[in-house]
Amino acid sequence: MKKLLSVLLMAALLIGCVASAAATDIGDLEKRQAELESQQQQEKEKLDQQNAAVEEQQGEVDKINEQIESVSIEIRTCHQNIIKIEKDIASKQTEIDKANQKIEANMDVLRQRLKAIYIAGDVSSLEVILGAKDFSDFLDKLQVVQYVSNHDEELINKIQVQLDAISKEKKSLEADKSDLEDEKATLETKQDELNTILEENKEVLESLQNDAAKTQMSLDMSEEELAGLSAEIQEYYRKQREALAAQQEAARRAAEAQQAAQNSDSGDDSSSGSTPVVDSGAATQIDAGGGWVWPTPGVYTLTAEFGESRSYESHGGVDIGASMGTAIYAANSGTVVSSNNTCTHVSSGGNWCSCGGGYGNFVWILHDNGYETIYGHMTTTAVSTGDRVSAGQLIGYVGSSGWSTGPHLHFELRIGGVRSNPLSLF
């Protein structure tokens, strides 16, 4: 019988050692999990800022594109006006050419008349008049000379006036064309400058988009790693529950075997009162609907409720607003499967740390019915990994270690490895 008990004690010790080693691993996993959650929060804030910068820069690019389009419309309008003026100038040139042709035609008529006078032997109006045969002939010749002179002069002057007017209009049109060409050149220069600014802003936009894409990629990768870590952590606690169940079953069988041996050897074993008795209480199943102890008796103020929305995830437990140093008690009996008492940031007050996976100094209890409770952000713990605790036993003191902004107890319940509302226990 002593040999059997020794084997059972060795098995329990071995399970405790394995649990302790595993607890070290789970502590590392949960520390990394908290670090990733903190990193995700920072990256989400960074991504929000980057997306805002991208949106603002995109607005700047759109504004420049609108300016370029507006200038392009002005350039097209100038170009169309220049084409119209060029047509008007060509039309005026045609009128000038026609007027010049009329002047030239009248000059030809005048030359013909002068030639006729010359052939007649008269070289001047005076000679024509003096060569008259009588007074009547004088009057006739004088009238002809005056008529010819006045008619030609009047005709030529009239055409010259028209020619001057047309030429003036042509010069005005040419001046307008020159102004439009200058305006078009100015607009084209402005368009070139805007295109240069646009390219510079597009480069800035592309850089901002690349930064946002990198942050999103990093966020996606951290989410993937978090999912993997969560699966590992869940698997760890599943194995812990199986190990505890095996331990309980072994204890139950040992108790039955010991009882049977005592019954059969009662006559021979009268002097064996010193034989250790295995505590069969380890096999006791506790109904989750009752028998639970509030971890901070007398302090019931909740500063954060279960499922409360956080920027990175929903709150996985309840926060009890207890003051620094308030005693914390086990909510029910069970085994401490993990604990941490190494965090020195016990009153950080906003200077968060990732000690203990964000829980800081904590105690993690696996209860006899398979439920798990976690008590986080302690100043110090009063129990260690592998310890057996009973309902209402002192396990630590309220603090603000780990991922905490002030003194409180983070009280968490997990059923089947899934975070659940601990208020459902009471």
Protein backbone atom coordinates (compact mmCIF):
# COMPACT_ATOMS: atom_id res chain seq x y z
CA MET A 1 0.00 0.00 0.00
CA LYS A 2 2.84 2.37 0.84
CA LYS A 3 4.36 1.60 -2.55
CA LEU A 4 1.06 2.49 -4.25
CA LEU A 5 0.86 5.77 -2.39
CA SER A 6 4.46 6.57 -3.28
CA VAL A 7 3.71 6.00 -6.96
CA LEU A 8 0.67 8.26 -6.76
CA LEU A 9 2.66 10.97 -5.00
CA MET A 10 5.40 10.73 -7.63
CA ALA A 11 2.76 10.97 -10.38
CA ALA A 12 1.25 14.03 -8.75
CA LEU A 13 4.71 15.58 -8.40
CA LEU A 14 5.46 14.83 -12.05
CA ILE A 15 2.18 16.39 -13.14
CA GLY A 16 3.03 19.43 -11.03
CA CYS A 17 6.47 19.70 -12.69
CA VAL A 18 4.96 19.37 -16.15
CA ALA A 19 2.32 21.95 -15.26
CA SER A 20 5.06 24.28 -13.98
CA ALA A 21 7.10 23.87 -17.18
CA ALA A 22 3.98 24.29 -19.27
CA ALA A 23 3.01 27.34 -17.26
CA THR A 24 6.33 28.93 -18.21
CA ASP A 25 5.52 28.30 -21.85
CA ILE A 26 1.95 29.58 -21.52
CA GLY A 27 3.29 32.66 -19.76
CA ASP A 28 5.50 33.36 -22.77
CA LEU A 29 2.58 32.77 -25.14
CA GLU A 30 0.26 35.05 -23.22
CA LYS A 31 2.97 37.69 -22.90
CA ARG A 32 3.41 37.59 -26.67
CA GLN A 33 -0.38 37.71 -27.06
CA ALA A 34 -0.57 40.87 -24.94
CA GLU A 35 2.34 42.41 -26.85
CA LEU A 36 0.57 41.70 -30.15
CA GLU A 37 -2.69 43.16 -28.88
CA SER A 38 -0.85 46.31 -27.77
CA GLN A 39 0.98 46.41 -31.12
CA GLN A 40 -2.32 45.99 -32.95
CA GLN A 41 -3.82 48.90 -31.05
CA GLN A 42 -0.87 51.11 -32.01
CA GLU A 43 -0.96 49.94 -35.62
CA LYS A 44 -4.71 50.54 -35.89
CA GLU A 45 -4.24 54.08 -34.59
CA LYS A 46 -1.34 54.54 -36.99
CA LEU A 47 -3.40 53.13 -39.88
CA ASP A 48 -6.28 55.51 -39.06
CA GLN A 49 -3.86 58.44 -39.18
CA GLN A 50 -2.31 57.19 -42.42
CA ASN A 51 -5.71 56.67 -44.05
CA ALA A 52 -6.70 60.20 -42.99
CA ALA A 53 -3.47 61.54 -44.54
CA VAL A 54 -4.16 59.56 -47.73
CA GLU A 55 -7.68 60.98 -47.91
CA GLU A 56 -6.42 64.51 -47.35
CA GLN A 57 -3.68 64.09 -49.99
CA GLN A 58 -6.19 62.59 -52.43
CA GLY A 59 -8.32 65.71 -51.93
CA GLU A 60 -5.28 67.86 -52.78
CA VAL A 61 -4.63 65.83 -55.94
CA ASP A 62 -8.31 66.14 -56.95
CA LYS A 63 -8.17 69.90 -56.37
CA ILE A 64 -5.09 70.25 -58.62
CA ASN A 65 -6.75 68.12 -61.29
CA GLU A 66 -9.75 70.46 -61.20
CA GLN A 67 -7.44 73.47 -61.60
CA ILE A 68 -5.68 71.81 -64.54
CA GLU A 69 -9.02 71.05 -66.19
CA SER A 70 -10.14 74.66 -65.69
CA VAL A 71 -6.90 75.98 -67.25
CA SER A 72 -7.26 73.49 -70.13
CA ILE A 73 -10.76 74.85 -70.85
CA GLU A 74 -9.36 78.43 -70.87
CA ILE A 75 -6.58 77.36 -73.24
CA ARG A 76 -9.09 75.72 -75.60
CA THR A 77 -11.24 78.89 -75.49
CA CYS A 78 -8.20 81.05 -76.31
CA HIS A 79 -7.27 78.75 -79.16
CA GLN A 80 -10.79 78.90 -80.60
CA ASN A 81 -10.80 82.71 -80.32
CA ILE A 82 -7.43 82.90 -82.06
CA ILE A 83 -8.74 80.77 -84.93
CA LYS A 84 -11.81 83.05 -85.24
CA ILE A 85 -9.66 86.20 -85.23
CA GLU A 86 -7.35 84.68 -87.85
CA LYS A 87 -10.41 84.12 -90.06
CA ASP A 88 -11.51 87.75 -89.46
CA ILE A 89 -8.00 88.98 -90.31
CA ALA A 90 -8.00 86.94 -93.52
CA SER A 91 -11.42 88.41 -94.40
CA LYS A 92 -10.14 91.97 -93.82
CA GLN A 93 -7.08 91.21 -95.91
CA THR A 94 -9.38 90.13 -98.73
CA GLU A 95 -11.28 93.44 -98.45
CA ILE A 96 -7.97 95.35 -98.50
CA ASP A 97 -6.88 93.46 -101.58
CA LYS A 98 -10.18 94.29 -103.31
CA ALA A 99 -9.88 97.99 -102.39
CA ASN A 100 -6.34 98.07 -103.71
CA GLN A 101 -7.60 96.48 -106.92
CA LYS A 102 -10.28 99.23 -107.26
CA ILE A 103 -7.67 101.94 -106.72
CA GLU A 104 -5.45 100.31 -109.28
CA ALA A 105 -8.36 100.11 -111.75
CA ASN A 106 -9.19 103.79 -111.28
CA MET A 107 -5.54 104.64 -111.66
CA ASP A 108 -5.62 102.79 -114.97
CA VAL A 109 -8.62 104.88 -116.09
CA LEU A 110 -6.85 108.04 -115.02
CA ARG A 111 -3.76 107.00 -116.87
CA GLN A 112 -5.83 106.36 -119.99
CA ARG A 113 -7.38 109.80 -119.75
CA LEU A 114 -4.05 111.47 -119.23
CA LYS A 115 -2.71 109.50 -122.17
CA ALA A 116 -5.58 110.74 -124.35
CA ILE A 117 -4.85 114.31 -123.33
CA TYR A 118 -1.21 113.77 -124.01
CA ILE A 119 -1.92 112.35 -127.48
CA ALA A 120 -4.08 115.35 -128.12
CA GLY A 121 -0.96 117.42 -127.58
CA ASP A 122 -1.96 118.96 -124.28
CA VAL A 123 0.38 118.46 -121.40
CA SER A 124 -1.49 120.34 -118.71
CA SER A 125 -4.89 121.67 -117.82
CA LEU A 126 -3.65 125.18 -118.44
CA GLU A 127 -2.53 124.30 -121.93
CA VAL A 128 -5.83 122.56 -122.60
CA ILE A 129 -7.69 125.70 -121.55
CA LEU A 130 -5.40 128.13 -123.39
CA GLY A 131 -5.67 126.05 -126.55
CA ALA A 132 -9.39 126.77 -126.79
CA LYS A 133 -10.58 128.16 -130.16
CA ASP A 134 -13.13 130.48 -128.63
CA PHE A 135 -14.75 131.23 -125.31
CA SER A 136 -17.34 128.53 -125.71
CA ASP A 137 -14.62 125.96 -126.44
CA PHE A 138 -12.71 127.31 -123.43
CA LEU A 139 -15.65 126.70 -121.15
CA ASP A 140 -16.14 123.20 -122.50
CA LYS A 141 -12.47 122.26 -122.05
CA LEU A 142 -12.34 123.80 -118.57
CA GLN A 143 -15.41 121.85 -117.51
CA VAL A 144 -14.00 118.55 -118.82
CA VAL A 145 -10.67 119.03 -117.06
CA GLN A 146 -12.34 119.92 -113.78
CA TYR A 147 -14.76 117.01 -114.06
CA VAL A 148 -11.99 114.54 -114.78
CA SER A 149 -9.83 115.84 -111.96
CA ASN A 150 -12.63 116.07 -109.40
CA HIS A 151 -14.12 112.69 -110.30
CA ASP A 152 -10.82 110.85 -110.12
CA GLU A 153 -9.80 112.58 -106.94
CA GLU A 154 -13.13 111.89 -105.28
CA LEU A 155 -13.09 108.23 -106.35
CA ILE A 156 -9.54 107.65 -105.21
CA ASN A 157 -10.14 109.42 -101.89
CA LYS A 158 -13.28 107.39 -101.23
CA ILE A 159 -11.46 104.14 -101.86
CA GLN A 160 -8.53 105.30 -99.74
CA VAL A 161 -10.84 106.06 -96.82
CA GLN A 162 -12.32 102.57 -97.08
CA LEU A 163 -8.84 101.08 -97.32
CA ASP A 164 -7.69 102.96 -94.22
CA ALA A 165 -10.71 101.79 -92.23
CA ILE A 166 -10.20 98.18 -93.22
CA SER A 167 -6.49 98.37 -92.44
CA LYS A 168 -7.29 99.83 -89.02
CA GLU A 169 -9.71 96.98 -88.29
CA LYS A 170 -7.07 94.49 -89.41
CA LYS A 171 -4.49 96.01 -87.09
CA SER A 172 -6.99 95.85 -84.19
CA LEU A 173 -7.66 92.20 -84.94
CA GLU A 174 -3.95 91.47 -85.10
CA ALA A 175 -3.49 93.20 -81.72
CA ASP A 176 -6.32 91.08 -80.25
CA LYS A 177 -4.72 87.97 -81.70
CA SER A 178 -1.38 88.90 -80.13
CA ASP A 179 -3.06 89.42 -76.74
CA LEU A 180 -4.81 86.04 -77.00
CA GLU A 181 -1.56 84.33 -77.95
CA ASP A 182 0.13 85.92 -74.91
CA GLU A 183 -2.77 84.80 -72.70
CA LYS A 184 -2.60 81.29 -74.17
CA ALA A 185 1.17 81.14 -73.54
CA THR A 186 0.61 82.26 -69.92
CA LEU A 187 -2.09 79.63 -69.41
CA GLU A 188 0.10 76.92 -70.93
CA THR A 189 2.91 77.92 -68.54
CA LYS A 190 0.45 77.73 -65.63
CA GLN A 191 -0.75 74.34 -66.88
CA ASP A 192 2.84 73.06 -66.99
CA GLU A 193 3.42 74.29 -63.43
CA LEU A 194 0.20 72.64 -62.23
CA ASN A 195 1.19 69.37 -63.94
CA THR A 196 4.53 69.49 -62.12
CA ILE A 197 2.78 70.12 -58.79
CA LEU A 198 0.32 67.33 -59.59
CA GLU A 199 3.11 64.82 -60.19
CA GLU A 200 4.78 65.83 -56.91
CA ASN A 201 1.48 65.39 -55.02
CA LYS A 202 0.87 62.05 -56.73
CA GLU A 203 4.28 60.87 -55.51
CA VAL A 204 3.38 61.97 -51.96
CA LEU A 205 0.00 60.21 -52.28
CA GLU A 206 1.64 57.02 -53.53
CA SER A 207 4.13 57.11 -50.64
CA LEU A 208 1.30 57.56 -48.12
CA GLN A 209 -0.68 54.74 -49.73
CA ASN A 210 2.38 52.47 -49.58
CA ASP A 211 2.88 53.29 -45.88
CA ALA A 212 -0.79 52.53 -45.17
CA ALA A 213 -0.53 49.27 -47.14
CA LYS A 214 2.55 48.23 -45.13
CA THR A 215 0.78 49.01 -41.85
CA GLN A 216 -2.28 47.05 -43.00
CA MET A 217 -0.04 44.13 -43.95
CA SER A 218 1.67 44.24 -40.55
CA LEU A 219 -1.77 44.38 -38.90
CA ASP A 220 -2.97 41.39 -40.92
CA MET A 221 0.16 39.43 -40.01
CA SER A 222 -0.24 40.22 -36.31
CA GLU A 223 -3.88 39.13 -36.50
CA GLU A 224 -2.80 35.84 -38.05
CA GLU A 225 -0.18 35.36 -35.33
CA LEU A 226 -2.76 36.24 -32.67
CA ALA A 227 -5.13 33.63 -34.08
CA GLY A 228 -2.35 31.04 -33.94
CA LEU A 229 -1.40 32.04 -30.38
CA SER A 230 -5.02 31.86 -29.29
CA ALA A 231 -5.27 28.33 -30.69
CA GLU A 232 -2.05 27.31 -28.86
CA ILE A 233 -3.29 28.82 -25.60
CA GLN A 234 -6.65 27.08 -25.92
CA GLU A 235 -4.87 23.79 -26.63
CA TYR A 236 -2.67 24.27 -23.57
CA TYR A 237 -5.63 24.73 -21.27
CA ARG A 238 -7.43 21.80 -22.86
CA LYS A 239 -4.45 19.60 -22.00
CA GLN A 240 -4.35 21.10 -18.52
CA ARG A 241 -7.98 20.15 -17.99
CA GLU A 242 -7.30 16.63 -19.25
CA ALA A 243 -4.27 16.31 -16.95
CA LEU A 244 -6.29 17.50 -13.98
CA ALA A 245 -9.09 15.07 -14.82
CA ALA A 246 -6.54 12.23 -15.05
CA GLN A 247 -5.07 13.29 -11.72
CA GLN A 248 -8.50 13.37 -10.12
CA GLU A 249 -9.33 9.95 -11.54
CA ALA A 250 -6.04 8.53 -10.26
CA ALA A 251 -6.72 10.01 -6.83
CA ARG A 252 -10.21 8.57 -6.83
CA ARG A 253 -8.96 5.09 -7.74
CA ALA A 254 -6.18 5.31 -5.16
CA ALA A 255 -8.70 6.29 -2.50
CA GLU A 256 -10.92 3.36 -3.45
CA ALA A 257 -7.94 1.00 -3.43
CA GLN A 258 -6.79 2.30 -0.06
CA GLN A 259 -10.28 1.96 1.39
CA ALA A 260 -10.55 -1.59 0.06
CA ALA A 261 -7.14 -2.46 1.52
CA GLN A 262 -8.08 -0.99 4.87
CA ASN A 263 -11.30 -2.99 4.92
CA SER A 264 -9.50 -6.27 4.13
CA ASP A 265 -6.49 -5.67 6.41
CA SER A 266 -8.21 -3.96 9.35
CA GLY A 267 -6.98 -6.68 11.76
CA ASP A 268 -3.38 -6.45 10.61
CA ASP A 269 -3.26 -2.71 10.10
CA SER A 270 -4.26 -1.58 13.58
CA SER A 271 -0.88 0.06 14.06
CA SER A 272 -0.83 1.84 10.71
CA GLY A 273 -2.61 5.02 11.85
CA SER A 274 0.29 7.00 10.45
CA THR A 275 -0.41 5.83 6.88
CA PRO A 276 -1.10 8.91 4.65
CA VAL A 277 -4.67 9.24 3.43
CA VAL A 278 -5.16 10.63 -0.08
CA ASP A 279 -7.58 13.57 -0.04
CA SER A 280 -10.60 12.41 -2.00
CA GLY A 281 -11.81 15.99 -2.05
CA ALA A 282 -9.88 16.45 -5.27
CA ALA A 283 -12.58 14.49 -7.05
CA THR A 284 -15.41 16.67 -5.74
CA GLN A 285 -17.35 18.32 -8.56
CA ILE A 286 -18.62 21.82 -7.88
CA ASP A 287 -21.87 22.98 -9.47
CA ALA A 288 -21.19 26.15 -11.46
CA GLY A 289 -24.58 27.41 -10.42
CA GLY A 290 -23.64 27.79 -6.74
CA GLY A 291 -20.93 27.66 -4.09
CA TRP A 292 -18.91 30.49 -5.61
CA VAL A 293 -17.22 33.18 -3.53
CA TRP A 294 -16.97 36.80 -4.63
CA PRO A 295 -13.20 37.49 -4.98
CA THR A 296 -13.30 40.86 -3.17
CA PRO A 297 -15.93 40.60 -0.40
CA GLY A 298 -17.48 43.95 0.38
CA VAL A 299 -16.26 45.54 -2.87
CA TYR A 300 -18.74 45.16 -5.70
CA THR A 301 -18.25 48.27 -7.84
CA LEU A 302 -17.57 47.36 -11.48
CA THR A 303 -15.45 49.83 -13.45
CA ALA A 304 -15.67 47.74 -16.64
CA GLU A 305 -18.20 45.10 -17.59
CA PHE A 306 -17.83 41.88 -19.54
CA GLY A 307 -17.97 42.33 -23.33
CA GLU A 308 -17.39 46.07 -23.07
CA SER A 309 -16.17 47.40 -26.43
CA ARG A 310 -12.48 48.21 -26.55
CA SER A 311 -10.54 49.67 -29.47
CA TYR A 312 -8.76 46.36 -30.08
CA GLU A 313 -11.24 43.75 -28.73
CA SER A 314 -14.16 43.32 -26.37
CA HIS A 315 -13.41 43.15 -22.64
CA GLY A 316 -12.90 39.52 -21.59
CA GLY A 317 -13.84 39.85 -17.93
CA VAL A 318 -15.10 42.32 -15.34
CA ASP A 319 -13.01 44.98 -13.59
CA ILE A 320 -13.72 45.40 -9.87
CA GLY A 321 -12.84 48.87 -8.62
CA ALA A 322 -11.03 47.86 -5.44
CA SER A 323 -8.33 49.99 -3.84
CA MET A 324 -4.63 49.13 -3.83
CA GLY A 325 -3.82 46.24 -1.47
CA THR A 326 -7.38 44.89 -1.16
CA ALA A 327 -7.31 41.13 -0.43
CA ILE A 328 -8.33 38.78 -3.25
CA TYR A 329 -9.83 35.34 -2.58
CA ALA A 330 -10.26 32.24 -4.76
CA ALA A 331 -13.78 32.11 -6.19
CA ASN A 332 -13.83 28.33 -5.72
CA SER A 333 -11.54 25.40 -5.05
CA GLY A 334 -9.11 24.20 -7.68
CA THR A 335 -5.48 24.06 -8.78
CA VAL A 336 -3.28 27.04 -9.63
CA VAL A 337 -2.21 26.18 -13.17
CA SER A 338 -0.34 29.42 -13.80
CA SER A 339 0.77 32.44 -11.81
CA ASN A 340 3.16 35.34 -12.13
CA ASN A 341 4.71 37.40 -9.37
CA THR A 342 7.62 39.02 -11.22
CA CYS A 343 6.04 42.27 -12.48
CA THR A 344 7.47 45.31 -10.73
CA HIS A 345 5.05 47.78 -12.38
CA VAL A 346 2.51 47.31 -9.60
CA SER A 347 1.19 50.89 -9.68
CA SER A 348 1.90 51.99 -13.24
CA GLY A 349 -1.19 54.22 -13.46
CA GLY A 350 -1.21 54.39 -17.25
CA ASN A 351 2.32 53.27 -18.03
CA TRP A 352 1.16 49.92 -19.38
CA CYS A 353 3.48 46.94 -19.54
CA SER A 354 3.13 43.48 -21.06
CA CYS A 355 4.26 41.59 -17.95
CA GLY A 356 2.39 38.36 -17.40
CA GLY A 357 0.88 38.58 -20.87
CA GLY A 358 -0.68 41.93 -19.94
CA TYR A 359 -2.22 40.52 -16.74
CA GLY A 360 0.81 41.66 -14.73
CA ASN A 361 1.00 39.67 -11.50
CA PHE A 362 -1.85 37.16 -11.73
CA VAL A 363 -3.26 33.84 -10.53
CA TRP A 364 -4.92 31.38 -12.91
CA ILE A 365 -7.02 28.65 -11.29
CA LEU A 366 -8.40 25.55 -12.96
CA HIS A 367 -11.42 24.54 -10.89
CA ASP A 368 -12.54 21.01 -10.24
CA ASN A 369 -15.48 21.31 -12.63
CA GLY A 370 -13.22 22.41 -15.50
CA TYR A 371 -14.03 26.14 -15.23
CA GLU A 372 -11.09 28.54 -15.10
CA THR A 373 -10.82 31.89 -13.32
CA ILE A 374 -8.10 34.51 -13.74
CA TYR A 375 -7.25 37.28 -11.26
CA GLY A 376 -5.12 39.97 -12.90
CA HIS A 377 -3.13 43.14 -12.11
CA MET A 378 -2.18 42.14 -8.53
CA THR A 379 0.51 43.86 -6.46
CA THR A 380 1.65 40.40 -5.40
CA THR A 381 0.32 36.85 -5.32
CA ALA A 382 -0.11 34.68 -2.22
CA VAL A 383 -0.05 31.32 -4.04
CA SER A 384 2.16 29.68 -6.65
CA THR A 385 1.76 27.47 -9.71
CA GLY A 386 0.74 23.94 -8.69
CA ASP A 387 -0.80 24.98 -5.36
CA ARG A 388 -4.15 23.52 -4.37
CA VAL A 389 -6.56 26.24 -3.19
CA SER A 390 -10.00 26.16 -1.62
CA ALA A 391 -12.95 28.49 -2.08
CA GLY A 392 -12.39 31.74 -0.16
CA GLN A 393 -8.63 31.19 0.26
CA LEU A 394 -6.41 34.28 0.07
CA ILE A 395 -4.54 34.28 -3.27
CA GLY A 396 -3.21 37.84 -3.64
CA TYR A 397 -3.74 41.61 -3.38
CA VAL A 398 -5.22 44.25 -5.71
CA GLY A 399 -2.73 46.32 -7.70
CA SER A 400 -2.21 47.91 -11.11
CA SER A 401 0.44 45.74 -12.73
CA GLY A 402 0.52 44.77 -16.41
CA TRP A 403 -1.85 46.33 -18.90
CA SER A 404 -3.66 48.53 -16.38
CA THR A 405 -4.41 52.22 -15.92
CA GLY A 406 -5.17 52.12 -12.19
CA PRO A 407 -5.77 49.83 -9.19
CA HIS A 408 -8.48 47.23 -9.82
CA LEU A 409 -9.02 43.47 -10.07
CA HIS A 410 -9.52 41.99 -13.51
CA PHE A 411 -11.74 38.96 -12.80
CA GLU A 412 -12.12 36.59 -15.73
CA LEU A 413 -14.01 33.34 -16.27
CA ARG A 414 -13.34 30.77 -19.01
CA ILE A 415 -15.66 27.86 -19.75
CA GLY A 416 -14.24 25.31 -22.14
CA GLY A 417 -11.45 27.78 -22.84
CA VAL A 418 -13.92 30.49 -23.94
CA ARG A 419 -14.15 33.80 -22.07
CA SER A 420 -17.56 34.03 -20.36
CA ASN A 421 -19.32 36.49 -18.07
CA PRO A 422 -18.16 35.76 -14.49
CA LEU A 423 -21.29 37.44 -13.08
CA SER A 424 -23.24 34.38 -14.25
CA LEU A 425 -21.61 32.42 -11.39
CA PHE A 426 -23.29 34.47 -8.67
